[in-house]
PDB file of all heavy atoms in Angstrom:
ATOM      1  N   ARG A   1       0.823  -1.134   0.010  1.00  0.00           N
ATOM      2  CA  ARG A   1       0.014   0.020   0.016  1.00  0.00           C
ATOM      3  C   ARG A   1       0.870   1.223  -0.039  1.00  0.00           C
ATOM      4  O   ARG A   1       1.779   1.444   0.695  1.00  0.00           O
ATOM      5  CB  ARG A   1      -0.996   0.006   1.212  1.00  0.00           C
ATOM      6  CG  ARG A   1      -1.756   1.202   1.411  1.00  0.00           C
ATOM      7  CD  ARG A   1      -2.687   1.171   2.654  1.00  0.00           C
ATOM      8  NE  ARG A   1      -1.976   1.538   3.801  1.00  0.00           N
ATOM      9  CZ  ARG A   1      -1.707   2.857   4.159  1.00  0.00           C
ATOM     10  NH1 ARG A   1      -2.285   3.814   3.417  1.00  0.00           N
ATOM     11  NH2 ARG A   1      -1.137   3.128   5.289  1.00  0.00           N
ATOM     12  N   GLN A   2       0.498   2.161  -0.784  1.00  0.00           N
ATOM     13  CA  GLN A   2       1.249   3.445  -0.908  1.00  0.00           C
ATOM     14  C   GLN A   2       0.743   4.328   0.189  1.00  0.00           C
ATOM     15  O   GLN A   2      -0.493   4.484   0.295  1.00  0.00           O
ATOM     16  CB  GLN A   2       1.073   4.097  -2.340  1.00  0.00           C
ATOM     17  CG  GLN A   2       1.721   3.374  -3.313  1.00  0.00           C
ATOM     18  CD  GLN A   2       3.236   3.327  -3.315  1.00  0.00           C
ATOM     19  OE1 GLN A   2       3.842   4.347  -2.929  1.00  0.00           O
ATOM     20  NE2 GLN A   2       3.867   2.155  -3.370  1.00  0.00           N
ATOM     21  N   PRO A   3       1.576   5.091   0.892  1.00  0.00           N
ATOM     22  CA  PRO A   3       0.954   5.902   1.972  1.00  0.00           C
ATOM     23  C   PRO A   3       0.239   7.178   1.404  1.00  0.00           C
ATOM     24  O   PRO A   3       0.603   7.657   0.314  1.00  0.00           O
ATOM     25  CB  PRO A   3       2.182   6.404   2.732  1.00  0.00           C
ATOM     26  CG  PRO A   3       3.351   6.191   1.716  1.00  0.00           C
ATOM     27  CD  PRO A   3       2.957   5.026   0.861  1.00  0.00           C
ATOM     28  N   HIS A   4      -0.811   7.552   2.142  1.00  0.00           N
ATOM     29  CA  HIS A   4      -1.506   8.749   1.695  1.00  0.00           C
ATOM     30  C   HIS A   4      -0.516   9.937   1.818  1.00  0.00           C
ATOM     31  O   HIS A   4       0.322   9.859   2.673  1.00  0.00           O
ATOM     32  CB  HIS A   4      -2.628   8.917   2.644  1.00  0.00           C
ATOM     33  CG  HIS A   4      -3.634  10.031   2.397  1.00  0.00           C
ATOM     34  ND1 HIS A   4      -3.208  11.399   2.819  1.00  0.00           N
ATOM     35  CD2 HIS A   4      -4.696  10.125   1.672  1.00  0.00           C
ATOM     36  CE1 HIS A   4      -4.233  12.107   2.355  1.00  0.00           C
ATOM     37  NE2 HIS A   4      -5.103  11.491   1.712  1.00  0.00           N
ATOM     38  N   PRO A   5      -0.623  10.955   1.023  1.00  0.00           N
ATOM     39  CA  PRO A   5       0.288  12.092   1.091  1.00  0.00           C
ATOM     40  C   PRO A   5       0.532  12.679   2.479  1.00  0.00           C
ATOM     41  O   PRO A   5       1.611  13.054   2.815  1.00  0.00           O
ATOM     42  CB  PRO A   5      -0.252  13.103   0.120  1.00  0.00           C
ATOM     43  CG  PRO A   5      -1.055  12.312  -0.892  1.00  0.00           C
ATOM     44  CD  PRO A   5      -1.576  11.119  -0.077  1.00  0.00           C
ATOM     45  N   ALA A   6      -0.564  12.752   3.230  1.00  0.00           N
ATOM     46  CA  ALA A   6      -0.403  13.273   4.553  1.00  0.00           C
ATOM     47  C   ALA A   6       0.309  12.349   5.527  1.00  0.00           C
ATOM     48  O   ALA A   6       0.755  12.792   6.605  1.00  0.00           O
ATOM     49  CB  ALA A   6      -1.864  13.493   5.237  1.00  0.00           C
ATOM     50  N   GLU A   7       0.449  10.951   5.129  1.00  0.00           N
ATOM     51  CA  GLU A   7       1.241  10.146   5.996  1.00  0.00           C
ATOM     52  C   GLU A   7       2.652  10.081   5.719  1.00  0.00           C
ATOM     53  O   GLU A   7       3.407   9.673   6.442  1.00  0.00           O
ATOM     54  CB  GLU A   7       0.609   8.676   5.789  1.00  0.00           C
ATOM     55  CG  GLU A   7      -0.848   8.514   6.251  1.00  0.00           C
ATOM     56  CD  GLU A   7      -1.306   7.109   5.918  1.00  0.00           C
ATOM     57  OE1 GLU A   7      -0.745   6.529   4.805  1.00  0.00           O
ATOM     58  OE2 GLU A   7      -2.268   6.650   6.545  1.00  0.00           O
ATOM     59  N   ARG A   8       2.968  10.555   4.591  1.00  0.00           N
ATOM     60  CA  ARG A   8       4.432  10.541   4.058  1.00  0.00           C
ATOM     61  C   ARG A   8       5.266  11.416   4.974  1.00  0.00           C
ATOM     62  O   ARG A   8       4.915  12.630   5.341  1.00  0.00           O
ATOM     63  CB  ARG A   8       4.516  10.941   2.702  1.00  0.00           C
ATOM     64  CG  ARG A   8       3.997   9.986   1.702  1.00  0.00           C
ATOM     65  CD  ARG A   8       4.332  10.395   0.245  1.00  0.00           C
ATOM     66  NE  ARG A   8       3.418   9.460  -0.558  1.00  0.00           N
ATOM     67  CZ  ARG A   8       2.699   9.934  -1.559  1.00  0.00           C
ATOM     68  NH1 ARG A   8       2.647  11.275  -1.699  1.00  0.00           N
ATOM     69  NH2 ARG A   8       2.010   9.218  -2.277  1.00  0.00           N
ATOM     70  N   GLN A   9       6.429  11.009   5.327  1.00  0.00           N
ATOM     71  CA  GLN A   9       7.322  11.772   6.192  1.00  0.00           C
ATOM     72  C   GLN A   9       8.477  12.370   5.273  1.00  0.00           C
ATOM     73  O   GLN A   9       8.839  11.597   4.342  1.00  0.00           O
ATOM     74  CB  GLN A   9       7.990  10.908   7.272  1.00  0.00           C
ATOM     75  CG  GLN A   9       6.933  10.455   8.259  1.00  0.00           C
ATOM     76  CD  GLN A   9       6.334  11.513   9.008  1.00  0.00           C
ATOM     77  OE1 GLN A   9       7.036  12.424   9.440  1.00  0.00           O
ATOM     78  NE2 GLN A   9       5.050  11.485   9.209  1.00  0.00           N
ATOM     79  N   PRO A  10       8.791  13.570   5.382  1.00  0.00           N
ATOM     80  CA  PRO A  10       9.973  14.119   4.636  1.00  0.00           C
ATOM     81  C   PRO A  10      11.209  13.194   4.900  1.00  0.00           C
ATOM     82  O   PRO A  10      11.436  12.747   5.966  1.00  0.00           O
ATOM     83  CB  PRO A  10      10.195  15.490   5.123  1.00  0.00           C
ATOM     84  CG  PRO A  10       9.427  15.643   6.404  1.00  0.00           C
ATOM     85  CD  PRO A  10       8.466  14.539   6.488  1.00  0.00           C
ATOM     86  N   HIS A  11      11.983  13.000   3.940  1.00  0.00           N
ATOM     87  CA  HIS A  11      13.211  12.263   4.112  1.00  0.00           C
ATOM     88  C   HIS A  11      14.183  13.044   4.904  1.00  0.00           C
ATOM     89  O   HIS A  11      14.434  14.211   4.694  1.00  0.00           O
ATOM     90  CB  HIS A  11      13.898  12.016   2.718  1.00  0.00           C
ATOM     91  CG  HIS A  11      15.042  11.080   2.695  1.00  0.00           C
ATOM     92  ND1 HIS A  11      16.223  11.499   3.076  1.00  0.00           N
ATOM     93  CD2 HIS A  11      14.974   9.736   2.527  1.00  0.00           C
ATOM     94  CE1 HIS A  11      17.028  10.355   3.002  1.00  0.00           C
ATOM     95  NE2 HIS A  11      16.307   9.295   2.622  1.00  0.00           N
ATOM     96  N   PRO A  12      14.791  12.348   6.052  1.00  0.00           N
ATOM     97  CA  PRO A  12      15.703  13.237   6.899  1.00  0.00           C
ATOM     98  C   PRO A  12      16.813  13.784   6.321  1.00  0.00           C
ATOM     99  O   PRO A  12      17.309  14.848   6.715  1.00  0.00           O
ATOM    100  CB  PRO A  12      16.140  12.063   7.875  1.00  0.00           C
ATOM    101  CG  PRO A  12      15.287  10.980   7.684  1.00  0.00           C
ATOM    102  CD  PRO A  12      14.641  11.040   6.357  1.00  0.00           C
ATOM    103  N   ALA A  13      17.251  13.257   5.039  1.00  0.00           N
ATOM    104  CA  ALA A  13      18.337  13.905   4.441  1.00  0.00           C
ATOM    105  C   ALA A  13      17.973  15.156   3.616  1.00  0.00           C
ATOM    106  O   ALA A  13      18.838  15.800   3.056  1.00  0.00           O
ATOM    107  CB  ALA A  13      18.973  12.921   3.523  1.00  0.00           C
ATOM    108  N   ASP A  14      16.652  15.488   3.478  1.00  0.00           N
ATOM    109  CA  ASP A  14      16.189  16.566   2.600  1.00  0.00           C
ATOM    110  C   ASP A  14      16.326  17.928   3.526  1.00  0.00           C
ATOM    111  O   ASP A  14      15.700  18.151   4.548  1.00  0.00           O
ATOM    112  CB  ASP A  14      14.822  16.374   2.277  1.00  0.00           C
ATOM    113  CG  ASP A  14      14.277  17.610   1.376  1.00  0.00           C
ATOM    114  OD1 ASP A  14      15.145  18.471   1.069  1.00  0.00           O
ATOM    115  OD2 ASP A  14      13.055  17.539   1.045  1.00  0.00           O
ATOM    116  N   PRO A  15      17.443  18.724   3.337  1.00  0.00           N
ATOM    117  CA  PRO A  15      17.679  19.842   4.142  1.00  0.00           C
ATOM    118  C   PRO A  15      16.618  20.863   4.021  1.00  0.00           C
ATOM    119  O   PRO A  15      16.394  21.730   4.973  1.00  0.00           O
ATOM    120  CB  PRO A  15      18.931  20.424   3.525  1.00  0.00           C
ATOM    121  CG  PRO A  15      19.069  19.926   2.281  1.00  0.00           C
ATOM    122  CD  PRO A  15      18.350  18.644   2.113  1.00  0.00           C
ATOM    123  N   ARG A  16      15.632  20.802   3.003  1.00  0.00           N
ATOM    124  CA  ARG A  16      14.637  21.807   2.906  1.00  0.00           C
ATOM    125  C   ARG A  16      13.393  21.500   3.723  1.00  0.00           C
ATOM    126  O   ARG A  16      12.580  22.291   3.912  1.00  0.00           O
ATOM    127  CB  ARG A  16      14.211  21.871   1.422  1.00  0.00           C
ATOM    128  CG  ARG A  16      15.281  22.361   0.558  1.00  0.00           C
ATOM    129  CD  ARG A  16      14.905  22.291  -0.993  1.00  0.00           C
ATOM    130  NE  ARG A  16      16.022  22.372  -1.794  1.00  0.00           N
ATOM    131  CZ  ARG A  16      16.583  23.410  -2.253  1.00  0.00           C
ATOM    132  NH1 ARG A  16      16.271  24.603  -1.802  1.00  0.00           N
ATOM    133  NH2 ARG A  16      17.693  23.327  -3.091  1.00  0.00           N
ATOM    134  N   SER A  17      13.406  20.302   4.410  1.00  0.00           N
ATOM    135  CA  SER A  17      12.214  20.002   5.346  1.00  0.00           C
ATOM    136  C   SER A  17      12.413  20.472   6.660  1.00  0.00           C
ATOM    137  O   SER A  17      11.391  20.513   7.373  1.00  0.00           O
ATOM    138  CB  SER A  17      12.034  18.455   5.301  1.00  0.00           C
ATOM    139  OG  SER A  17      13.035  17.874   6.081  1.00  0.00           O
ATOM    140  N   LEU A  18      13.561  21.056   6.914  1.00  0.00           N
ATOM    141  CA  LEU A  18      13.666  21.663   8.348  1.00  0.00           C
ATOM    142  C   LEU A  18      13.988  23.126   8.174  1.00  0.00           C
ATOM    143  O   LEU A  18      14.653  23.499   7.179  1.00  0.00           O
ATOM    144  CB  LEU A  18      14.902  20.929   8.980  1.00  0.00           C
ATOM    145  CG  LEU A  18      14.735  19.388   9.414  1.00  0.00           C
ATOM    146  CD1 LEU A  18      16.006  18.871  10.012  1.00  0.00           C
ATOM    147  CD2 LEU A  18      13.535  19.335  10.364  1.00  0.00           C
ATOM    148  N   ILE A  19      13.653  23.867   9.258  1.00  0.00           N
ATOM    149  CA  ILE A  19      13.894  25.342   9.186  1.00  0.00           C
ATOM    150  C   ILE A  19      13.976  25.718  10.700  1.00  0.00           C
ATOM    151  O   ILE A  19      13.220  25.217  11.519  1.00  0.00           O
ATOM    152  CB  ILE A  19      12.773  26.077   8.490  1.00  0.00           C
ATOM    153  CG1 ILE A  19      13.307  27.517   8.346  1.00  0.00           C
ATOM    154  CG2 ILE A  19      11.450  25.980   9.151  1.00  0.00           C
ATOM    155  CD1 ILE A  19      12.375  28.299   7.361  1.00  0.00           C
ATOM    156  N   ALA A  20      14.819  26.679  10.934  1.00  0.00           N
ATOM    157  CA  ALA A  20      15.004  27.124  12.419  1.00  0.00           C
ATOM    158  C   ALA A  20      13.779  27.999  12.547  1.00  0.00           C
ATOM    159  O   ALA A  20      13.269  28.746  11.740  1.00  0.00           O
ATOM    160  CB  ALA A  20      16.323  27.951  12.536  1.00  0.00           C
ATOM    161  N   SER A  21      13.244  27.874  13.879  1.00  0.00           N
ATOM    162  CA  SER A  21      12.052  28.785  14.147  1.00  0.00           C
ATOM    163  C   SER A  21      12.228  30.223  13.997  1.00  0.00           C
ATOM    164  O   SER A  21      11.321  30.994  13.553  1.00  0.00           O
ATOM    165  CB  SER A  21      11.773  28.469  15.615  1.00  0.00           C
ATOM    166  OG  SER A  21      12.703  28.840  16.525  1.00  0.00           O
ATOM    167  N   ASP A  22      13.427  30.700  14.153  1.00  0.00           N
ATOM    168  CA  ASP A  22      13.697  32.253  13.997  1.00  0.00           C
ATOM    169  C   ASP A  22      13.555  32.620  12.554  1.00  0.00           C
ATOM    170  O   ASP A  22      13.375  33.815  12.240  1.00  0.00           O
ATOM    171  CB  ASP A  22      14.931  32.659  14.639  1.00  0.00           C
ATOM    172  CG  ASP A  22      16.313  32.044  14.142  1.00  0.00           C
ATOM    173  OD1 ASP A  22      16.110  30.871  13.431  1.00  0.00           O
ATOM    174  OD2 ASP A  22      17.243  32.649  14.147  1.00  0.00           O
ATOM    175  N   ARG A  23      13.617  31.596  11.647  1.00  0.00           N
ATOM    176  CA  ARG A  23      13.558  31.915  10.206  1.00  0.00           C
ATOM    177  C   ARG A  23      12.015  31.881   9.874  1.00  0.00           C
ATOM    178  O   ARG A  23      11.645  32.488   8.803  1.00  0.00           O
ATOM    179  CB  ARG A  23      14.333  30.988   9.331  1.00  0.00           C
ATOM    180  CG  ARG A  23      15.823  31.211   9.527  1.00  0.00           C
ATOM    181  CD  ARG A  23      16.794  30.703   8.684  1.00  0.00           C
ATOM    182  NE  ARG A  23      16.411  31.116   7.231  1.00  0.00           N
ATOM    183  CZ  ARG A  23      16.559  30.330   6.109  1.00  0.00           C
ATOM    184  NH1 ARG A  23      16.980  29.052   6.265  1.00  0.00           N
ATOM    185  NH2 ARG A  23      16.129  30.769   5.025  1.00  0.00           N
ATOM    186  N   VAL A  24      11.196  31.282  10.612  1.00  0.00           N
ATOM    187  CA  VAL A  24       9.800  31.290  10.347  1.00  0.00           C
ATOM    188  C   VAL A  24       9.175  32.516  10.775  1.00  0.00           C
ATOM    189  O   VAL A  24       8.381  33.070  10.071  1.00  0.00           O
ATOM    190  CB  VAL A  24       9.083  30.048  11.048  1.00  0.00           C
ATOM    191  CG1 VAL A  24       7.605  30.046  10.856  1.00  0.00           C
ATOM    192  CG2 VAL A  24       9.681  28.764  10.495  1.00  0.00           C
ATOM    193  N   ILE A  25       9.663  33.069  11.939  1.00  0.00           N
ATOM    194  CA  ILE A  25       9.158  34.368  12.366  1.00  0.00           C
ATOM    195  C   ILE A  25       9.455  35.360  11.412  1.00  0.00           C
ATOM    196  O   ILE A  25      10.538  35.544  10.872  1.00  0.00           O
ATOM    197  CB  ILE A  25       9.832  34.725  13.739  1.00  0.00           C
ATOM    198  CG1 ILE A  25       9.818  33.581  14.747  1.00  0.00           C
ATOM    199  CG2 ILE A  25       9.313  36.062  14.359  1.00  0.00           C
ATOM    200  CD1 ILE A  25       8.352  33.147  15.159  1.00  0.00           C
ATOM    201  N   GLY A  26       8.403  36.171  11.087  1.00  0.00           N
ATOM    202  CA  GLY A  26       8.506  37.291  10.080  1.00  0.00           C
ATOM    203  C   GLY A  26       8.187  36.801   8.681  1.00  0.00           C
ATOM    204  O   GLY A  26       8.064  37.611   7.823  1.00  0.00           O
ATOM    205  N   THR A  27       7.823  35.502   8.521  1.00  0.00           N
ATOM    206  CA  THR A  27       7.542  34.964   7.179  1.00  0.00           C
ATOM    207  C   THR A  27       6.135  35.469   6.849  1.00  0.00           C
ATOM    208  O   THR A  27       5.162  35.416   7.684  1.00  0.00           O
ATOM    209  CB  THR A  27       7.630  33.522   7.140  1.00  0.00           C
ATOM    210  OG1 THR A  27       8.984  33.117   7.379  1.00  0.00           O
ATOM    211  CG2 THR A  27       7.215  32.858   5.832  1.00  0.00           C
TER     212      THR A  27
END
């Protein structure tokens, strides 16, 4: 079974899936 898109987890090696909270502030 293929996971539903909401169930998929970002690949840990994908640097774009993480962001520092101080970079979210002001977005």
